[in-house]
PDB file of N, CA and C in Angstrom:
ATOM      1  N   MET A   1     -41.295 -63.135  83.071  1.00  0.00           N
ATOM      2  CA  MET A   1     -40.735 -64.424  82.834  1.00  0.00           C
ATOM      3  C   MET A   1     -40.332 -65.010  84.002  1.00  0.00           C
ATOM      4  N   THR A   2     -40.273 -66.493  84.115  1.00  0.00           N
ATOM      5  CA  THR A   2     -39.949 -67.211  85.325  1.00  0.00           C
ATOM      6  C   THR A   2     -38.777 -68.031  85.114  1.00  0.00           C
ATOM      7  N   ILE A   3     -37.816 -68.108  86.013  1.00  0.00           N
ATOM      8  CA  ILE A   3     -36.622 -69.192  85.785  1.00  0.00           C
ATOM      9  C   ILE A   3     -36.681 -69.882  86.978  1.00  0.00           C
ATOM     10  N   THR A   4     -36.498 -71.146  86.835  1.00  0.00           N
ATOM     11  CA  THR A   4     -36.295 -72.200  87.788  1.00  0.00           C
ATOM     12  C   THR A   4     -34.810 -72.672  87.778  1.00  0.00           C
ATOM     13  N   GLY A   5     -34.305 -72.862  88.919  1.00  0.00           N
ATOM     14  CA  GLY A   5     -32.931 -73.337  88.949  1.00  0.00           C
ATOM     15  C   GLY A   5     -32.378 -73.568  90.376  1.00  0.00           C
ATOM     16  N   THR A   6     -31.197 -74.159  90.443  1.00  0.00           N
ATOM     17  CA  THR A   6     -30.554 -74.254  91.536  1.00  0.00           C
ATOM     18  C   THR A   6     -29.442 -73.093  91.791  1.00  0.00           C
ATOM     19  N   ILE A   7     -29.574 -72.657  93.057  1.00  0.00           N
ATOM     20  CA  ILE A   7     -28.607 -71.461  93.540  1.00  0.00           C
ATOM     21  C   ILE A   7     -27.279 -72.040  93.441  1.00  0.00           C
ATOM     22  N   GLU A   8     -26.252 -71.337  92.759  1.00  0.00           N
ATOM     23  CA  GLU A   8     -24.942 -71.813  92.719  1.00  0.00           C
ATOM     24  C   GLU A   8     -24.226 -70.790  93.700  1.00  0.00           C
ATOM     25  N   SER A   9     -24.502 -69.599  93.554  1.00  0.00           N
ATOM     26  CA  SER A   9     -23.944 -68.800  94.700  1.00  0.00           C
ATOM     27  C   SER A   9     -24.796 -67.444  94.895  1.00  0.00           C
ATOM     28  N   ILE A  10     -24.530 -66.699  96.011  1.00  0.00           N
ATOM     29  CA  ILE A  10     -25.269 -65.459  96.298  1.00  0.00           C
ATOM     30  C   ILE A  10     -24.240 -64.585  96.597  1.00  0.00           C
ATOM     31  N   GLU A  11     -23.975 -63.295  95.861  1.00  0.00           N
ATOM     32  CA  GLU A  11     -23.001 -62.430  95.959  1.00  0.00           C
ATOM     33  C   GLU A  11     -23.523 -60.909  96.189  1.00  0.00           C
ATOM     34  N   TYR A  12     -23.062 -60.334  97.285  1.00  0.00           N
ATOM     35  CA  TYR A  12     -23.588 -59.022  97.640  1.00  0.00           C
ATOM     36  C   TYR A  12     -22.528 -57.991  96.881  1.00  0.00           C
ATOM     37  N   ARG A  13     -23.246 -57.049  96.101  1.00  0.00           N
ATOM     38  CA  ARG A  13     -22.445 -56.060  95.493  1.00  0.00           C
ATOM     39  C   ARG A  13     -22.950 -54.547  95.948  1.00  0.00           C
ATOM     40  N   ASN A  14     -22.036 -53.625  96.058  1.00  0.00           N
ATOM     41  CA  ASN A  14     -22.267 -52.228  96.193  1.00  0.00           C
ATOM     42  C   ASN A  14     -21.240 -51.498  95.386  1.00  0.00           C
ATOM     43  N   THR A  15     -22.087 -50.811  94.310  1.00  0.00           N
ATOM     44  CA  THR A  15     -21.354 -50.142  93.332  1.00  0.00           C
ATOM     45  C   THR A  15     -21.771 -48.634  93.314  1.00  0.00           C
ATOM     46  N   ALA A  16     -20.963 -47.752  93.718  1.00  0.00           N
ATOM     47  CA  ALA A  16     -21.389 -46.326  93.873  1.00  0.00           C
ATOM     48  C   ALA A  16     -22.780 -46.244  94.678  1.00  0.00           C
ATOM     49  N   GLY A  17     -22.906 -46.928  95.700  1.00  0.00           N
ATOM     50  CA  GLY A  17     -23.945 -46.711  96.529  1.00  0.00           C
ATOM     51  C   GLY A  17     -25.404 -47.545  96.142  1.00  0.00           C
ATOM     52  N   HIS A  18     -25.128 -48.431  95.146  1.00  0.00           N
ATOM     53  CA  HIS A  18     -26.313 -49.113  94.528  1.00  0.00           C
ATOM     54  C   HIS A  18     -26.059 -50.468  95.031  1.00  0.00           C
ATOM     55  N   GLU A  19     -26.800 -50.885  96.104  1.00  0.00           N
ATOM     56  CA  GLU A  19     -26.648 -52.243  96.655  1.00  0.00           C
ATOM     57  C   GLU A  19     -27.645 -53.284  96.015  1.00  0.00           C
ATOM     58  N   LYS A  20     -27.087 -54.520  95.659  1.00  0.00           N
ATOM     59  CA  LYS A  20     -27.878 -55.643  95.117  1.00  0.00           C
ATOM     60  C   LYS A  20     -27.123 -56.903  95.572  1.00  0.00           C
ATOM     61  N   LYS A  21     -27.814 -57.846  95.472  1.00  0.00           N
ATOM     62  CA  LYS A  21     -27.281 -59.253  95.540  1.00  0.00           C
ATOM     63  C   LYS A  21     -27.541 -59.903  94.162  1.00  0.00           C
ATOM     64  N   VAL A  22     -26.473 -60.550  93.681  1.00  0.00           N
ATOM     65  CA  VAL A  22     -26.483 -61.156  92.426  1.00  0.00           C
ATOM     66  C   VAL A  22     -26.597 -62.709  92.747  1.00  0.00           C
ATOM     67  N   VAL A  23     -27.666 -63.287  92.318  1.00  0.00           N
ATOM     68  CA  VAL A  23     -27.712 -64.914  92.571  1.00  0.00           C
ATOM     69  C   VAL A  23     -27.353 -65.427  91.172  1.00  0.00           C
ATOM     70  N   THR A  24     -26.409 -66.499  91.191  1.00  0.00           N
ATOM     71  CA  THR A  24     -26.154 -67.306  90.009  1.00  0.00           C
ATOM     72  C   THR A  24     -27.049 -68.481  90.122  1.00  0.00           C
ATOM     73  N   LEU A  25     -27.900 -68.685  89.062  1.00  0.00           N
ATOM     74  CA  LEU A  25     -28.877 -69.804  89.051  1.00  0.00           C
ATOM     75  C   LEU A  25     -28.326 -70.862  87.916  1.00  0.00           C
ATOM     76  N   VAL A  26     -28.507 -72.049  88.056  1.00  0.00           N
ATOM     77  CA  VAL A  26     -28.393 -72.983  87.110  1.00  0.00           C
ATOM     78  C   VAL A  26     -29.456 -73.647  86.822  1.00  0.00           C
ATOM     79  N   PRO A  27     -30.168 -73.250  85.718  1.00  0.00           N
ATOM     80  CA  PRO A  27     -31.408 -73.748  85.402  1.00  0.00           C
ATOM     81  C   PRO A  27     -31.566 -75.074  84.942  1.00  0.00           C
ATOM     82  N   ASP A  28     -30.527 -75.455  84.074  1.00  0.00           N
ATOM     83  CA  ASP A  28     -30.474 -76.788  83.374  1.00  0.00           C
ATOM     84  C   ASP A  28     -29.273 -77.713  83.581  1.00  0.00           C
ATOM     85  N   GLY A  29     -28.490 -77.265  84.429  1.00  0.00           N
ATOM     86  CA  GLY A  29     -27.151 -78.043  84.711  1.00  0.00           C
ATOM     87  C   GLY A  29     -25.975 -77.565  83.793  1.00  0.00           C
ATOM     88  N   ARG A  30     -26.314 -76.856  82.831  1.00  0.00           N
ATOM     89  CA  ARG A  30     -25.403 -76.471  81.817  1.00  0.00           C
ATOM     90  C   ARG A  30     -25.144 -74.978  81.803  1.00  0.00           C
ATOM     91  N   GLN A  31     -26.214 -74.191  81.624  1.00  0.00           N
ATOM     92  CA  GLN A  31     -26.136 -72.758  81.654  1.00  0.00           C
ATOM     93  C   GLN A  31     -26.426 -72.049  82.827  1.00  0.00           C
ATOM     94  N   ARG A  32     -25.975 -70.655  82.892  1.00  0.00           N
ATOM     95  CA  ARG A  32     -26.180 -70.062  84.131  1.00  0.00           C
ATOM     96  C   ARG A  32     -26.976 -68.800  83.976  1.00  0.00           C
ATOM     97  N   ALA A  33     -27.572 -68.311  84.674  1.00  0.00           N
ATOM     98  CA  ALA A  33     -28.306 -67.068  84.669  1.00  0.00           C
ATOM     99  C   ALA A  33     -27.990 -66.375  85.896  1.00  0.00           C
ATOM    100  N   PHE A  34     -27.771 -64.973  85.603  1.00  0.00           N
ATOM    101  CA  PHE A  34     -27.488 -64.069  86.831  1.00  0.00           C
ATOM    102  C   PHE A  34     -28.482 -63.195  86.999  1.00  0.00           C
ATOM    103  N   VAL A  35     -29.076 -63.212  88.454  1.00  0.00           N
ATOM    104  CA  VAL A  35     -30.421 -62.456  88.600  1.00  0.00           C
ATOM    105  C   VAL A  35     -29.917 -61.519  89.801  1.00  0.00           C
ATOM    106  N   GLU A  36     -30.355 -60.293  89.374  1.00  0.00           N
ATOM    107  CA  GLU A  36     -30.109 -59.165  90.360  1.00  0.00           C
ATOM    108  C   GLU A  36     -31.334 -59.075  91.393  1.00  0.00           C
ATOM    109  N   PHE A  37     -31.108 -58.860  92.746  1.00  0.00           N
ATOM    110  CA  PHE A  37     -32.232 -58.586  93.619  1.00  0.00           C
ATOM    111  C   PHE A  37     -31.827 -57.262  94.301  1.00  0.00           C
ATOM    112  N   ARG A  38     -32.588 -56.411  94.126  1.00  0.00           N
ATOM    113  CA  ARG A  38     -32.302 -54.851  94.572  1.00  0.00           C
ATOM    114  C   ARG A  38     -33.324 -54.607  95.503  1.00  0.00           C
ATOM    115  N   GLY A  39     -32.807 -53.513  96.473  1.00  0.00           N
ATOM    116  CA  GLY A  39     -33.626 -52.879  97.403  1.00  0.00           C
ATOM    117  C   GLY A  39     -34.332 -53.877  98.536  1.00  0.00           C
ATOM    118  N   ARG A  40     -35.516 -53.798  98.642  1.00  0.00           N
ATOM    119  CA  ARG A  40     -36.225 -54.629  99.617  1.00  0.00           C
ATOM    120  C   ARG A  40     -36.114 -56.139  99.025  1.00  0.00           C
ATOM    121  N   ARG A  41     -35.932 -56.432  97.877  1.00  0.00           N
ATOM    122  CA  ARG A  41     -35.892 -57.852  97.170  1.00  0.00           C
ATOM    123  C   ARG A  41     -34.641 -58.556  97.907  1.00  0.00           C
ATOM    124  N   MET A  42     -33.664 -57.801  98.183  1.00  0.00           N
ATOM    125  CA  MET A  42     -32.452 -58.467  98.938  1.00  0.00           C
ATOM    126  C   MET A  42     -32.781 -59.335 100.124  1.00  0.00           C
ATOM    127  N   ASP A  43     -33.755 -58.948 100.698  1.00  0.00           N
ATOM    128  CA  ASP A  43     -34.041 -59.477 102.160  1.00  0.00           C
ATOM    129  C   ASP A  43     -35.076 -60.746 101.848  1.00  0.00           C
ATOM    130  N   ASP A  44     -35.697 -60.802 100.514  1.00  0.00           N
ATOM    131  CA  ASP A  44     -36.232 -62.060 100.288  1.00  0.00           C
ATOM    132  C   ASP A  44     -35.209 -63.416  99.995  1.00  0.00           C
ATOM    133  N   LEU A  45     -33.976 -63.024 100.031  1.00  0.00           N
ATOM    134  CA  LEU A  45     -33.021 -63.983  99.884  1.00  0.00           C
ATOM    135  C   LEU A  45     -32.523 -64.708 101.249  1.00  0.00           C
ATOM    136  N   ASN A  46     -32.918 -64.244 102.259  1.00  0.00           N
ATOM    137  CA  ASN A  46     -32.291 -64.512 103.537  1.00  0.00           C
ATOM    138  C   ASN A  46     -32.654 -65.918 103.852  1.00  0.00           C
ATOM    139  N   GLU A  47     -33.729 -66.520 103.372  1.00  0.00           N
ATOM    140  CA  GLU A  47     -34.262 -67.891 103.784  1.00  0.00           C
ATOM    141  C   GLU A  47     -33.583 -68.966 102.652  1.00  0.00           C
ATOM    142  N   TYR A  48     -32.799 -68.393 101.790  1.00  0.00           N
ATOM    143  CA  TYR A  48     -32.279 -69.498 100.791  1.00  0.00           C
ATOM    144  C   TYR A  48     -30.721 -69.357 100.785  1.00  0.00           C
ATOM    145  N   LYS A  49     -30.232 -70.662 100.487  1.00  0.00           N
ATOM    146  CA  LYS A  49     -28.836 -70.753 100.557  1.00  0.00           C
ATOM    147  C   LYS A  49     -28.394 -71.572  99.025  1.00  0.00           C
ATOM    148  N   GLU A  50     -27.014 -71.584  98.969  1.00  0.00           N
ATOM    149  CA  GLU A  50     -26.567 -72.364  97.826  1.00  0.00           C
ATOM    150  C   GLU A  50     -26.980 -73.940  97.882  1.00  0.00           C
ATOM    151  N   ASN A  51     -27.374 -74.387  96.542  1.00  0.00           N
ATOM    152  CA  ASN A  51     -27.998 -75.633  96.319  1.00  0.00           C
ATOM    153  C   ASN A  51     -29.522 -75.608  96.536  1.00  0.00           C
ATOM    154  N   ASP A  52     -30.167 -74.655  97.064  1.00  0.00           N
ATOM    155  CA  ASP A  52     -31.617 -74.557  97.051  1.00  0.00           C
ATOM    156  C   ASP A  52     -32.084 -74.310  95.550  1.00  0.00           C
ATOM    157  N   GLU A  53     -33.303 -75.161  95.286  1.00  0.00           N
ATOM    158  CA  GLU A  53     -33.953 -74.869  94.023  1.00  0.00           C
ATOM    159  C   GLU A  53     -35.079 -73.857  94.178  1.00  0.00           C
ATOM    160  N   ILE A  54     -35.047 -72.976  93.371  1.00  0.00           N
ATOM    161  CA  ILE A  54     -36.029 -71.690  93.495  1.00  0.00           C
ATOM    162  C   ILE A  54     -36.879 -71.359  92.106  1.00  0.00           C
ATOM    163  N   HIS A  55     -37.832 -70.556  92.284  1.00  0.00           N
ATOM    164  CA  HIS A  55     -38.615 -70.137  91.081  1.00  0.00           C
ATOM    165  C   HIS A  55     -38.382 -68.694  91.166  1.00  0.00           C
ATOM    166  N   VAL A  56     -37.884 -67.923  90.321  1.00  0.00           N
ATOM    167  CA  VAL A  56     -37.588 -66.408  90.208  1.00  0.00           C
ATOM    168  C   VAL A  56     -38.482 -65.767  89.108  1.00  0.00           C
ATOM    169  N   THR A  57     -39.288 -64.988  89.297  1.00  0.00           N
ATOM    170  CA  THR A  57     -39.945 -64.077  88.321  1.00  0.00           C
ATOM    171  C   THR A  57     -39.089 -62.790  88.057  1.00  0.00           C
ATOM    172  N   VAL A  58     -38.631 -62.643  86.880  1.00  0.00           N
ATOM    173  CA  VAL A  58     -37.786 -61.572  86.622  1.00  0.00           C
ATOM    174  C   VAL A  58     -38.421 -60.673  85.595  1.00  0.00           C
ATOM    175  N   THR A  59     -37.889 -59.594  85.308  1.00  0.00           N
ATOM    176  CA  THR A  59     -37.898 -58.591  84.343  1.00  0.00           C
ATOM    177  C   THR A  59     -36.648 -58.326  83.629  1.00  0.00           C
ATOM    178  N   LEU A  60     -36.757 -58.109  82.224  1.00  0.00           N
ATOM    179  CA  LEU A  60     -35.541 -57.648  81.471  1.00  0.00           C
ATOM    180  C   LEU A  60     -35.295 -56.307  81.356  1.00  0.00           C
ATOM    181  N   GLU A  61     -34.098 -55.835  81.917  1.00  0.00           N
ATOM    182  CA  GLU A  61     -33.909 -54.483  81.995  1.00  0.00           C
ATOM    183  C   GLU A  61     -32.845 -54.157  81.129  1.00  0.00           C
ATOM    184  N   GLY A  62     -32.922 -53.375  79.989  1.00  0.00           N
ATOM    185  CA  GLY A  62     -31.735 -53.093  79.149  1.00  0.00           C
ATOM    186  C   GLY A  62     -31.283 -51.641  79.442  1.00  0.00           C
ATOM    187  N   LYS A  63     -29.751 -51.595  79.666  1.00  0.00           N
ATOM    188  CA  LYS A  63     -29.240 -50.147  79.867  1.00  0.00           C
ATOM    189  C   LYS A  63     -28.040 -50.011  78.902  1.00  0.00           C
ATOM    190  N   ILE A  64     -27.638 -48.755  78.730  1.00  0.00           N
ATOM    191  CA  ILE A  64     -26.432 -48.407  77.873  1.00  0.00           C
ATOM    192  C   ILE A  64     -25.723 -47.612  78.786  1.00  0.00           C
ATOM    193  N   SER A  65     -24.418 -48.017  79.064  1.00  0.00           N
ATOM    194  CA  SER A  65     -23.556 -47.090  79.876  1.00  0.00           C
ATOM    195  C   SER A  65     -23.228 -45.782  79.305  1.00  0.00           C
ATOM    196  N   LYS A  66     -23.304 -44.744  80.291  1.00  0.00           N
ATOM    197  CA  LYS A  66     -23.221 -43.516  79.835  1.00  0.00           C
ATOM    198  C   LYS A  66     -21.849 -43.149  79.538  1.00  0.00           C
ATOM    199  N   ASN A  67     -20.821 -43.991  80.256  1.00  0.00           N
ATOM    200  CA  ASN A  67     -19.404 -43.628  79.843  1.00  0.00           C
ATOM    201  C   ASN A  67     -18.806 -44.298  78.601  1.00  0.00           C
ATOM    202  N   SER A  68     -19.130 -45.679  78.523  1.00  0.00           N
ATOM    203  CA  SER A  68     -18.426 -46.421  77.481  1.00  0.00           C
ATOM    204  C   SER A  68     -19.359 -46.652  76.298  1.00  0.00           C
ATOM    205  N   GLY A  69     -20.839 -46.535  76.532  1.00  0.00           N
ATOM    206  CA  GLY A  69     -21.826 -46.892  75.419  1.00  0.00           C
ATOM    207  C   GLY A  69     -22.070 -48.425  75.305  1.00  0.00           C
ATOM    208  N   ILE A  70     -21.522 -49.159  76.142  1.00  0.00           N
ATOM    209  CA  ILE A  70     -21.728 -50.659  76.297  1.00  0.00           C
ATOM    210  C   ILE A  70     -23.134 -50.877  76.625  1.00  0.00           C
ATOM    211  N   GLN A  71     -23.851 -51.977  75.843  1.00  0.00           N
ATOM    212  CA  GLN A  71     -24.948 -52.190  76.077  1.00  0.00           C
ATOM    213  C   GLN A  71     -25.231 -53.465  77.082  1.00  0.00           C
ATOM    214  N   TYR A  72     -26.231 -53.426  78.152  1.00  0.00           N
ATOM    215  CA  TYR A  72     -26.294 -54.364  78.870  1.00  0.00           C
ATOM    216  C   TYR A  72     -27.748 -54.851  79.101  1.00  0.00           C
ATOM    217  N   ASN A  73     -27.958 -56.202  79.321  1.00  0.00           N
ATOM    218  CA  ASN A  73     -29.305 -56.743  79.725  1.00  0.00           C
ATOM    219  C   ASN A  73     -29.225 -57.405  81.008  1.00  0.00           C
ATOM    220  N   ASN A  74     -30.057 -56.790  81.738  1.00  0.00           N
ATOM    221  CA  ASN A  74     -30.288 -57.498  83.293  1.00  0.00           C
ATOM    222  C   ASN A  74     -31.331 -58.166  83.617  1.00  0.00           C
ATOM    223  N   LEU A  75     -31.314 -59.188  84.263  1.00  0.00           N
ATOM    224  CA  LEU A  75     -32.423 -59.882  84.815  1.00  0.00           C
ATOM    225  C   LEU A  75     -32.675 -59.358  86.237  1.00  0.00           C
ATOM    226  N   VAL A  76     -33.650 -58.771  86.591  1.00  0.00           N
ATOM    227  CA  VAL A  76     -34.149 -58.175  87.736  1.00  0.00           C
ATOM    228  C   VAL A  76     -35.159 -58.943  88.367  1.00  0.00           C
ATOM    229  N   ALA A  77     -34.937 -59.320  89.663  1.00  0.00           N
ATOM    230  CA  ALA A  77     -36.097 -60.300  90.268  1.00  0.00           C
ATOM    231  C   ALA A  77     -37.019 -59.476  90.867  1.00  0.00           C
ATOM    232  N   GLN A  78     -38.375 -60.060  90.562  1.00  0.00           N
ATOM    233  CA  GLN A  78     -39.510 -59.378  90.979  1.00  0.00           C
ATOM    234  C   GLN A  78     -40.171 -60.189  92.286  1.00  0.00           C
ATOM    235  N   SER A  79     -39.977 -61.537  92.183  1.00  0.00           N
ATOM    236  CA  SER A  79     -40.304 -62.378  93.351  1.00  0.00           C
ATOM    237  C   SER A  79     -39.619 -63.633  93.235  1.00  0.00           C
ATOM    238  N   VAL A  80     -39.554 -64.325  94.399  1.00  0.00           N
ATOM    239  CA  VAL A  80     -38.739 -65.586  94.402  1.00  0.00           C
ATOM    240  C   VAL A  80     -39.599 -66.555  95.356  1.00  0.00           C
ATOM    241  N   THR A  81     -39.685 -67.841  94.987  1.00  0.00           N
ATOM    242  CA  THR A  81     -40.425 -68.796  95.736  1.00  0.00           C
ATOM    243  C   THR A  81     -39.567 -70.155  95.736  1.00  0.00           C
ATOM    244  N   SER A  82     -39.887 -71.005  96.736  1.00  0.00           N
ATOM    245  CA  SER A  82     -39.234 -72.276  96.795  1.00  0.00           C
ATOM    246  C   SER A  82     -39.963 -73.163  95.811  1.00  0.00           C
ATOM    247  N   CYS A  83     -39.273 -74.269  95.269  1.00  0.00           N
ATOM    248  CA  CYS A  83     -39.699 -75.335  94.353  1.00  0.00           C
ATOM    249  C   CYS A  83     -40.432 -76.223  95.272  1.00  0.00           C
TER     250      CYS A  83
END
C-alpha cells in the first residue's frame, strides 16, 4: 500500500531498545497517518524534513500486547520517495 502526504513531524522513539522514527503524514489535509521507520529505514529519512511531500510504501503489521491484550495496527515503512 502507498501513502502520499506532507510530513507534519518526524519523531525519534526508543522503547526497550527498539529504535524507530515515527513520521506523521497528512495525506489529504484533514487526516493523519503515523508511519514507523525501523532499522536501516530510519536513515532513509535523513534527506526529508517537515513540510516535504513524500510517497511511502507501507505494510500493515498487527500486534497484540502480551501484557494488556490491546490490539494494535502499525503502518511500517518499506520505502520512501519524493513526490
